[in-house]
Amino acid sequence: MSQTQNEQTLLRDLLRVMAATPDSHACYAHILQGAIQLTGADGAFVFLFAEPELKVLQNIEDAQFPDASTLKPVANGLVAGMNVNPAGCGAIWPHCVVAPLLIGGERVGMWGLVFDILPQSDRLSAEQLDTLTDAIIIITRSVRADARHEKLGRNQSEFMRIVAHDLRSPLTYIQGFGSMLSMVGDLNDQQFYYVDKIMSGITQMTGLIDNIQDAGRFDPETGFYEMQRAPCDLSEVVGRIVESHLLPAEKQELIIRKHIADDIPIINVDATMIERAITNLVDNAIKYTPNGRDVTVTVYREDDHIMIRVQDSGLGISPENQKMLFERHVRISRQEHKRVKGSGLGLFIVRSVARRHGGDAWVESDEGNGSAFFISIPLIESNLLVS
């Protein structure tokens, strides 16, 4: 097979790998292995200096590979394209062919081939090696974009955590002094109305801060919260939530019911997270159920899962809106619900809690017939009590 055919085959295979997997290491490794086959090299590598620092080696022992302080001076002396035995490489490998990785004029890394004996020039086609360099740069752009996105997400989560923490103290002061205003003397109707509005606003802000904090720390992908597993009686948790839930003044005729199966075992979960998730579902059900109707919380077993279902008697949710309901900051816009306050984080927290326990959360609904929200908790080893 000719060199041109080899190159075409390599590029076709690379495109298949890139289409089939988001794993950048697999794509890098495929290119390096193909470059070794094309050139007869004894080894190959890709090395990124920062954002992120990364190395991928083929047929090179990690212990024998130099660190960034050794390679950076070599990379700074390279010209664009392939460089054969550039200054500084002789002390590292017998022979090498290396190229800088240039993105936006910045040297972000280098890649290269190492040889015990340098091959004939016809095996080191500049055109083929430049094509491989272009392919590596394409992957490197994606790797750096992912790293920046991840860093941005971490920075955003940290910023929100700090803001939420710093807001909590002054809110506590406001709530405390607001609740003591009636101690100064009797309030007339107008003053009582103003104090009630202040306290209601504080409650809403406190709830928002709780949601912001929990959405960040419970997130299965980026959350920093360490689960505190302990024996948990779901029957007791659900009973406490239902019995202690305060109904808003405008929904005093709404009824909250509970049905708990007799075969629910004590499980090994984070009770704080589970209670937070169930409370969010009950809060939502109350918000979106008209006064005079009911909300039902049911706990039962289904095969090897414990199921928690919160059924409301609201207006229901269309199939299109159901698909995105558990994403961050998603709220369904309906004229009937324009006065309902919320951050769009409650259901995201519910799903995060379920997934941190190996389960999931979803909704089943028909427009006009209410909605049923589910949390599943699998009875797997981590969720079971150790005998």
Protein backbone atom coordinates (compact mmCIF):
# COMPACT_ATOMS: atom_id res chain seq x y z
CA MET A 1 0.00 0.00 0.00
CA SER A 2 1.38 3.47 -0.96
CA GLN A 3 2.13 6.24 1.56
CA THR A 4 -0.82 8.25 0.17
CA GLN A 5 -3.17 5.30 0.68
CA ASN A 6 -1.78 4.79 4.19
CA GLU A 7 -2.44 8.45 4.99
CA GLN A 8 -5.98 8.30 3.62
CA THR A 9 -6.71 5.13 5.60
CA LEU A 10 -5.32 6.74 8.79
CA LEU A 11 -7.45 9.87 8.34
CA ARG A 12 -10.61 7.83 7.66
CA ASP A 13 -9.98 5.75 10.79
CA LEU A 14 -9.30 8.90 12.80
CA LEU A 15 -12.59 10.47 11.71
CA ARG A 16 -14.40 7.30 12.81
CA VAL A 17 -12.71 7.42 16.22
CA MET A 18 -13.49 11.13 16.68
CA ALA A 19 -17.12 10.54 15.69
CA ALA A 20 -17.52 7.51 17.94
CA THR A 21 -15.94 8.78 21.16
CA PRO A 22 -15.52 12.10 22.97
CA ASP A 23 -12.34 10.71 24.57
CA SER A 24 -9.51 13.00 23.47
CA HIS A 25 -6.86 10.55 24.73
CA ALA A 26 -8.22 7.85 22.39
CA CYS A 27 -8.08 10.27 19.44
CA TYR A 28 -4.52 11.36 20.27
CA ALA A 29 -3.42 7.74 20.71
CA HIS A 30 -4.93 6.77 17.36
CA ILE A 31 -3.06 9.54 15.55
CA LEU A 32 0.22 8.68 17.25
CA GLN A 33 -0.14 4.99 16.47
CA GLY A 34 -0.90 5.83 12.85
CA ALA A 35 2.11 8.16 12.68
CA ILE A 36 4.33 5.35 13.99
CA GLN A 37 3.00 3.02 11.28
CA LEU A 38 3.51 5.63 8.56
CA THR A 39 7.05 6.60 9.54
CA GLY A 40 8.49 3.56 11.29
CA ALA A 41 9.09 5.63 14.43
CA ASP A 42 9.97 3.87 17.67
CA GLY A 43 7.62 6.07 19.71
CA ALA A 44 5.43 9.16 19.59
CA PHE A 45 3.99 11.71 21.99
CA VAL A 46 1.70 14.70 22.43
CA PHE A 47 2.47 17.15 25.24
CA LEU A 48 0.38 20.19 26.24
CA PHE A 49 1.95 22.75 28.58
CA ALA A 50 -1.16 24.17 30.25
CA GLU A 51 -4.98 24.44 30.19
CA PRO A 52 -4.72 21.54 30.63
CA GLU A 53 -1.26 20.08 31.12
CA LEU A 54 -1.50 16.76 29.33
CA LYS A 55 0.69 14.07 27.82
CA VAL A 56 -0.16 11.08 25.67
CA LEU A 57 2.61 8.57 24.97
CA GLN A 58 2.87 5.71 22.50
CA ASN A 59 5.74 3.22 22.93
CA ILE A 60 7.48 5.60 25.35
CA GLU A 61 7.82 4.81 29.05
CA ASP A 62 6.37 7.52 31.26
CA ALA A 63 9.45 7.41 33.53
CA GLN A 64 11.70 8.14 30.53
CA PHE A 65 9.66 11.12 29.32
CA PRO A 66 11.03 14.59 30.20
CA ASP A 67 9.03 17.13 32.19
CA ALA A 68 7.69 20.50 31.04
CA SER A 69 10.78 22.42 32.20
CA THR A 70 12.88 20.36 29.76
CA LEU A 71 10.45 20.42 26.82
CA LYS A 72 9.34 24.06 26.91
CA PRO A 73 12.76 25.46 25.86
CA VAL A 74 12.80 22.95 23.00
CA ALA A 75 9.30 23.99 21.90
CA ASN A 76 10.20 27.69 22.05
CA GLY A 77 13.00 27.10 19.56
CA LEU A 78 10.88 25.25 17.00
CA VAL A 79 9.75 26.72 13.71
CA ALA A 80 6.26 26.00 12.36
CA GLY A 81 6.00 22.55 10.79
CA MET A 82 8.17 19.52 11.44
CA ASN A 83 11.66 19.98 12.90
CA VAL A 84 14.25 17.18 12.54
CA ASN A 85 16.62 16.81 15.50
CA PRO A 86 16.15 20.39 16.79
CA ALA A 87 18.47 21.88 19.40
CA GLY A 88 17.91 20.41 22.83
CA CYS A 89 16.47 17.08 21.69
CA GLY A 90 19.78 15.28 21.37
CA ALA A 91 20.09 14.97 25.13
CA ILE A 92 16.64 13.37 25.32
CA TRP A 93 16.34 11.00 22.34
CA PRO A 94 18.81 9.66 19.74
CA HIS A 95 16.69 11.19 16.93
CA CYS A 96 13.35 12.97 16.80
CA VAL A 97 11.01 14.83 14.50
CA VAL A 98 8.85 17.32 16.42
CA ALA A 99 6.39 20.13 15.70
CA PRO A 100 4.97 22.93 17.85
CA LEU A 101 1.22 23.06 18.43
CA LEU A 102 0.22 26.62 17.57
CA ILE A 103 -3.27 27.90 18.40
CA GLY A 104 -4.00 31.58 17.91
CA GLY A 105 -0.27 32.29 17.72
CA GLU A 106 0.30 30.67 21.13
CA ARG A 107 2.59 27.67 21.59
CA VAL A 108 0.35 25.43 23.66
CA GLY A 109 2.42 22.27 23.31
CA MET A 110 4.29 20.01 20.94
CA TRP A 111 4.10 16.60 19.42
CA GLY A 112 6.74 14.39 17.95
CA LEU A 113 8.17 11.10 16.77
CA VAL A 114 11.29 9.52 18.27
CA PHE A 115 13.69 7.18 16.49
CA ASP A 116 16.69 5.07 17.36
CA ILE A 117 17.75 5.37 13.71
CA LEU A 118 16.39 8.16 11.49
CA PRO A 119 14.55 6.66 8.47
CA GLN A 120 14.91 7.57 4.82
CA SER A 121 13.43 10.94 3.90
CA ASP A 122 10.67 9.33 1.79
CA ARG A 123 9.09 7.99 5.01
CA LEU A 124 9.01 11.50 6.50
CA SER A 125 6.74 13.24 4.02
CA ALA A 126 6.30 16.86 5.16
CA GLU A 127 2.78 16.91 3.73
CA GLN A 128 1.72 13.81 5.67
CA LEU A 129 3.27 15.03 8.92
CA ASP A 130 1.63 18.46 8.52
CA THR A 131 -1.72 16.70 8.06
CA LEU A 132 -1.15 14.82 11.30
CA THR A 133 -0.20 18.08 13.02
CA ASP A 134 -3.45 19.66 11.83
CA ALA A 135 -5.44 16.71 13.18
CA ILE A 136 -3.71 16.98 16.58
CA ILE A 137 -4.40 20.73 16.70
CA ILE A 138 -8.11 20.11 15.99
CA ILE A 139 -8.31 17.73 18.96
CA THR A 140 -6.23 20.12 21.10
CA ARG A 141 -8.66 22.98 20.42
CA SER A 142 -11.48 20.76 21.67
CA VAL A 143 -9.48 19.67 24.75
CA ARG A 144 -8.67 23.28 25.68
CA ALA A 145 -12.27 24.40 25.11
CA ASP A 146 -13.48 21.61 27.42
CA ALA A 147 -10.89 22.59 30.05
CA ARG A 148 -11.93 26.26 29.89
CA HIS A 149 -15.61 25.28 30.13
CA GLU A 150 -14.89 23.09 33.16
CA LYS A 151 -12.84 25.87 34.79
CA LEU A 152 -15.62 28.38 34.10
CA GLY A 153 -18.15 26.01 35.67
CA ARG A 154 -15.97 25.61 38.77
CA ASN A 155 -15.46 29.37 39.05
CA GLN A 156 -19.19 30.01 38.65
CA SER A 157 -20.05 27.42 41.29
CA GLU A 158 -17.50 28.88 43.69
CA PHE A 159 -18.78 32.42 43.07
CA MET A 160 -22.37 31.37 43.72
CA ARG A 161 -21.32 29.50 46.86
CA ILE A 162 -19.53 32.58 48.23
CA VAL A 163 -22.40 34.93 47.35
CA ALA A 164 -24.97 32.61 48.91
CA HIS A 165 -22.89 32.25 52.07
CA ASP A 166 -22.33 36.01 52.40
CA LEU A 167 -26.04 36.77 51.89
CA ARG A 168 -27.16 34.34 54.58
CA SER A 169 -25.78 36.34 57.56
CA PRO A 170 -27.51 39.67 56.81
CA LEU A 171 -30.74 37.83 56.00
CA THR A 172 -30.59 36.14 59.39
CA TYR A 173 -30.23 39.55 61.07
CA ILE A 174 -33.13 41.00 59.08
CA GLN A 175 -35.33 38.01 59.86
CA GLY A 176 -34.46 38.15 63.56
CA PHE A 177 -35.10 41.85 64.01
CA GLY A 178 -38.18 41.73 61.77
CA SER A 179 -39.71 39.03 63.95
CA MET A 180 -39.10 41.22 67.05
CA LEU A 181 -40.89 44.33 65.74
CA SER A 182 -44.13 43.24 67.45
CA MET A 183 -42.25 43.18 70.77
CA VAL A 184 -41.69 46.93 70.62
CA GLY A 185 -45.41 47.57 70.82
CA ASP A 186 -48.71 46.72 69.24
CA LEU A 187 -48.76 46.99 65.45
CA ASN A 188 -51.68 48.49 63.59
CA ASP A 189 -53.11 46.68 60.58
CA GLN A 190 -50.97 48.54 58.05
CA GLN A 191 -47.75 47.96 60.03
CA PHE A 192 -48.60 44.29 60.46
CA TYR A 193 -49.16 44.05 56.68
CA TYR A 194 -45.73 45.61 55.99
CA VAL A 195 -43.96 43.31 58.46
CA ASP A 196 -45.69 40.29 56.93
CA LYS A 197 -44.47 41.32 53.46
CA ILE A 198 -40.91 41.77 54.77
CA MET A 199 -40.89 38.35 56.42
CA SER A 200 -42.38 36.74 53.31
CA GLY A 201 -39.66 38.29 51.14
CA ILE A 202 -36.96 37.05 53.52
CA THR A 203 -38.40 33.53 53.37
CA GLN A 204 -38.32 33.63 49.56
CA MET A 205 -34.71 34.87 49.51
CA THR A 206 -33.64 32.23 52.04
CA GLY A 207 -35.25 29.54 49.89
CA LEU A 208 -33.46 30.88 46.80
CA ILE A 209 -30.11 30.83 48.60
CA ASP A 210 -30.75 27.25 49.76
CA ASN A 211 -31.53 26.22 46.18
CA ILE A 212 -28.41 27.92 44.79
CA GLN A 213 -26.20 26.22 47.36
CA ASP A 214 -27.79 22.79 47.01
CA ALA A 215 -27.81 22.91 43.19
CA GLY A 216 -24.05 23.48 43.26
CA ARG A 217 -23.04 21.05 45.97
CA PHE A 218 -25.40 18.17 45.04
CA ASP A 219 -24.59 18.26 41.30
CA PRO A 220 -23.38 14.71 40.36
CA GLU A 221 -20.82 16.11 37.89
CA THR A 222 -19.39 19.18 39.63
CA GLY A 223 -20.72 19.03 43.19
CA PHE A 224 -18.34 19.05 46.15
CA TYR A 225 -20.76 17.71 48.77
CA GLU A 226 -19.61 14.51 50.49
CA MET A 227 -22.60 12.28 51.15
CA GLN A 228 -23.25 11.36 54.78
CA ARG A 229 -24.88 7.95 54.59
CA ALA A 230 -26.73 6.63 57.62
CA PRO A 231 -29.73 4.40 58.35
CA CYS A 232 -32.85 6.21 57.11
CA ASP A 233 -36.51 5.38 57.63
CA LEU A 234 -38.28 6.80 54.59
CA SER A 235 -41.65 6.27 56.23
CA GLU A 236 -40.62 8.57 59.07
CA VAL A 237 -39.09 11.15 56.71
CA VAL A 238 -42.14 11.35 54.47
CA GLY A 239 -44.49 11.39 57.45
CA ARG A 240 -42.61 14.31 58.99
CA ILE A 241 -42.60 16.28 55.72
CA VAL A 242 -46.35 15.80 55.14
CA GLU A 243 -47.41 16.49 58.72
CA SER A 244 -45.23 19.56 59.26
CA HIS A 245 -45.73 21.21 55.88
CA LEU A 246 -47.17 24.70 56.17
CA LEU A 247 -49.80 25.59 53.61
CA PRO A 248 -49.89 29.16 52.24
CA ALA A 249 -52.80 31.29 53.35
CA GLU A 250 -54.46 31.13 49.94
CA LYS A 251 -54.46 27.29 49.92
CA GLN A 252 -55.82 26.36 53.34
CA GLU A 253 -58.36 23.97 51.79
CA LEU A 254 -55.69 21.94 49.96
CA ILE A 255 -55.21 18.44 51.39
CA ILE A 256 -51.87 16.57 51.55
CA ARG A 257 -52.19 12.80 51.81
CA LYS A 258 -49.58 10.08 52.25
CA HIS A 259 -49.58 6.36 51.44
CA ILE A 260 -46.56 4.34 52.60
CA ALA A 261 -46.25 0.63 51.83
CA ASP A 262 -45.55 -1.77 54.70
CA ASP A 263 -42.51 -3.38 53.04
CA ILE A 264 -40.23 -0.29 52.88
CA PRO A 265 -36.87 -1.23 54.45
CA ILE A 266 -34.50 1.00 56.38
CA ILE A 267 -31.93 2.14 53.82
CA ASN A 268 -28.40 3.57 53.93
CA VAL A 269 -28.70 7.00 52.31
CA ASP A 270 -28.01 10.67 52.95
CA ALA A 271 -31.19 11.60 54.81
CA THR A 272 -30.57 15.35 54.43
CA MET A 273 -30.41 15.05 50.64
CA ILE A 274 -33.41 12.73 50.43
CA GLU A 275 -35.53 14.98 52.66
CA ARG A 276 -34.52 18.02 50.58
CA ALA A 277 -35.58 16.29 47.34
CA ILE A 278 -38.96 15.13 48.69
CA THR A 279 -39.62 18.55 50.22
CA ASN A 280 -38.93 20.20 46.86
CA LEU A 281 -41.45 17.91 45.15
CA VAL A 282 -44.10 18.58 47.80
CA ASP A 283 -43.45 22.35 47.62
CA ASN A 284 -43.88 22.27 43.85
CA ALA A 285 -47.04 20.19 44.08
CA ILE A 286 -48.58 22.69 46.50
CA LYS A 287 -47.57 25.65 44.31
CA TYR A 288 -49.17 24.21 41.18
CA THR A 289 -52.27 22.56 42.66
CA PRO A 290 -55.39 24.74 42.87
CA ASN A 291 -56.93 25.28 46.31
CA GLY A 292 -59.46 22.62 47.35
CA ARG A 293 -57.69 19.77 45.54
CA ASP A 294 -55.17 17.26 46.88
CA VAL A 295 -51.50 16.31 46.78
CA THR A 296 -50.56 12.68 47.47
CA VAL A 297 -47.15 11.37 48.50
CA THR A 298 -46.68 7.63 47.97
CA VAL A 299 -43.74 5.39 48.89
CA TYR A 300 -43.66 1.82 47.56
CA ARG A 301 -41.37 -0.92 46.27
CA GLU A 302 -41.10 -1.83 42.62
CA ASP A 303 -38.77 -4.76 41.94
CA ASP A 304 -35.37 -3.76 43.38
CA HIS A 305 -36.19 -0.03 43.71
CA ILE A 306 -37.89 2.12 46.28
CA MET A 307 -40.20 4.57 44.53
CA ILE A 308 -41.30 7.94 45.87
CA ARG A 309 -44.19 9.49 43.94
CA VAL A 310 -45.65 12.95 44.50
CA GLN A 311 -48.96 13.36 42.65
CA ASP A 312 -50.53 16.79 42.22
CA SER A 313 -53.93 17.84 40.87
CA GLY A 314 -52.67 20.71 38.76
CA LEU A 315 -52.92 21.57 35.08
CA GLY A 316 -50.43 19.00 33.83
CA ILE A 317 -47.32 19.41 31.67
CA SER A 318 -46.96 18.98 27.91
CA PRO A 319 -44.57 16.29 26.56
CA GLU A 320 -42.29 19.00 25.12
CA ASN A 321 -41.88 20.70 28.50
CA GLN A 322 -41.38 17.41 30.33
CA LYS A 323 -38.13 16.79 28.41
CA MET A 324 -36.32 19.81 29.87
CA LEU A 325 -38.07 20.14 33.24
CA PHE A 326 -35.18 18.77 35.32
CA GLU A 327 -32.50 21.03 33.81
CA ARG A 328 -31.03 24.01 35.66
CA HIS A 329 -33.12 27.19 35.75
CA VAL A 330 -35.94 25.73 33.64
CA ARG A 331 -39.43 26.99 34.47
CA ILE A 332 -42.53 26.45 32.37
CA SER A 333 -44.13 29.71 31.34
CA ARG A 334 -47.92 29.62 31.72
CA GLN A 335 -50.31 32.47 32.26
CA GLU A 336 -51.97 30.58 35.13
CA HIS A 337 -48.63 30.34 36.99
CA LYS A 338 -47.27 33.84 36.47
CA ARG A 339 -47.58 34.64 40.19
CA VAL A 340 -45.73 31.47 41.27
CA LYS A 341 -42.22 32.31 42.48
CA GLY A 342 -39.26 30.02 41.84
CA SER A 343 -35.63 29.74 40.74
CA GLY A 344 -35.95 26.79 38.36
CA LEU A 345 -33.49 24.82 40.54
CA GLY A 346 -35.83 22.68 42.65
CA LEU A 347 -36.26 19.81 40.18
CA PHE A 348 -32.59 19.95 39.18
CA ILE A 349 -31.78 19.33 42.86
CA VAL A 350 -34.30 16.46 42.98
CA ARG A 351 -32.66 14.71 40.03
CA SER A 352 -29.15 15.39 41.40
CA VAL A 353 -30.07 13.78 44.73
CA ALA A 354 -31.58 10.75 42.98
CA ARG A 355 -28.54 10.26 40.74
CA ARG A 356 -26.09 10.66 43.62
CA HIS A 357 -27.84 7.62 45.10
CA GLY A 358 -27.67 5.66 41.84
CA GLY A 359 -31.29 6.35 40.91
CA ASP A 360 -33.16 8.87 38.82
CA ALA A 361 -36.09 11.31 38.79
CA TRP A 362 -38.75 11.92 36.17
CA VAL A 363 -42.30 13.12 35.59
CA GLU A 364 -45.41 11.52 34.10
CA SER A 365 -48.17 13.92 33.13
CA ASP A 366 -51.13 14.54 30.87
CA GLU A 367 -52.23 18.11 30.32
CA GLY A 368 -55.34 18.82 32.33
CA ASN A 369 -54.93 15.76 34.57
CA GLY A 370 -52.14 16.73 36.96
CA SER A 371 -48.59 15.40 37.21
CA ALA A 372 -46.79 12.63 39.06
CA PHE A 373 -43.13 13.19 39.97
CA PHE A 374 -40.99 10.16 40.78
CA ILE A 375 -37.74 9.48 42.60
CA SER A 376 -36.28 5.99 42.31
CA ILE A 377 -33.70 4.70 44.79
CA PRO A 378 -32.17 1.36 43.79
CA LEU A 379 -31.67 -1.25 46.50
CA ILE A 380 -28.03 -1.68 45.57
CA GLU A 381 -25.09 -2.36 47.88
CA SER A 382 -24.26 1.26 48.69
CA ASN A 383 -27.90 2.00 49.64
CA LEU A 384 -28.28 -1.10 51.82
CA LEU A 385 -27.40 -1.46 55.49
CA VAL A 386 -24.38 -3.63 56.20
CA SER A 387 -25.41 -6.68 58.21
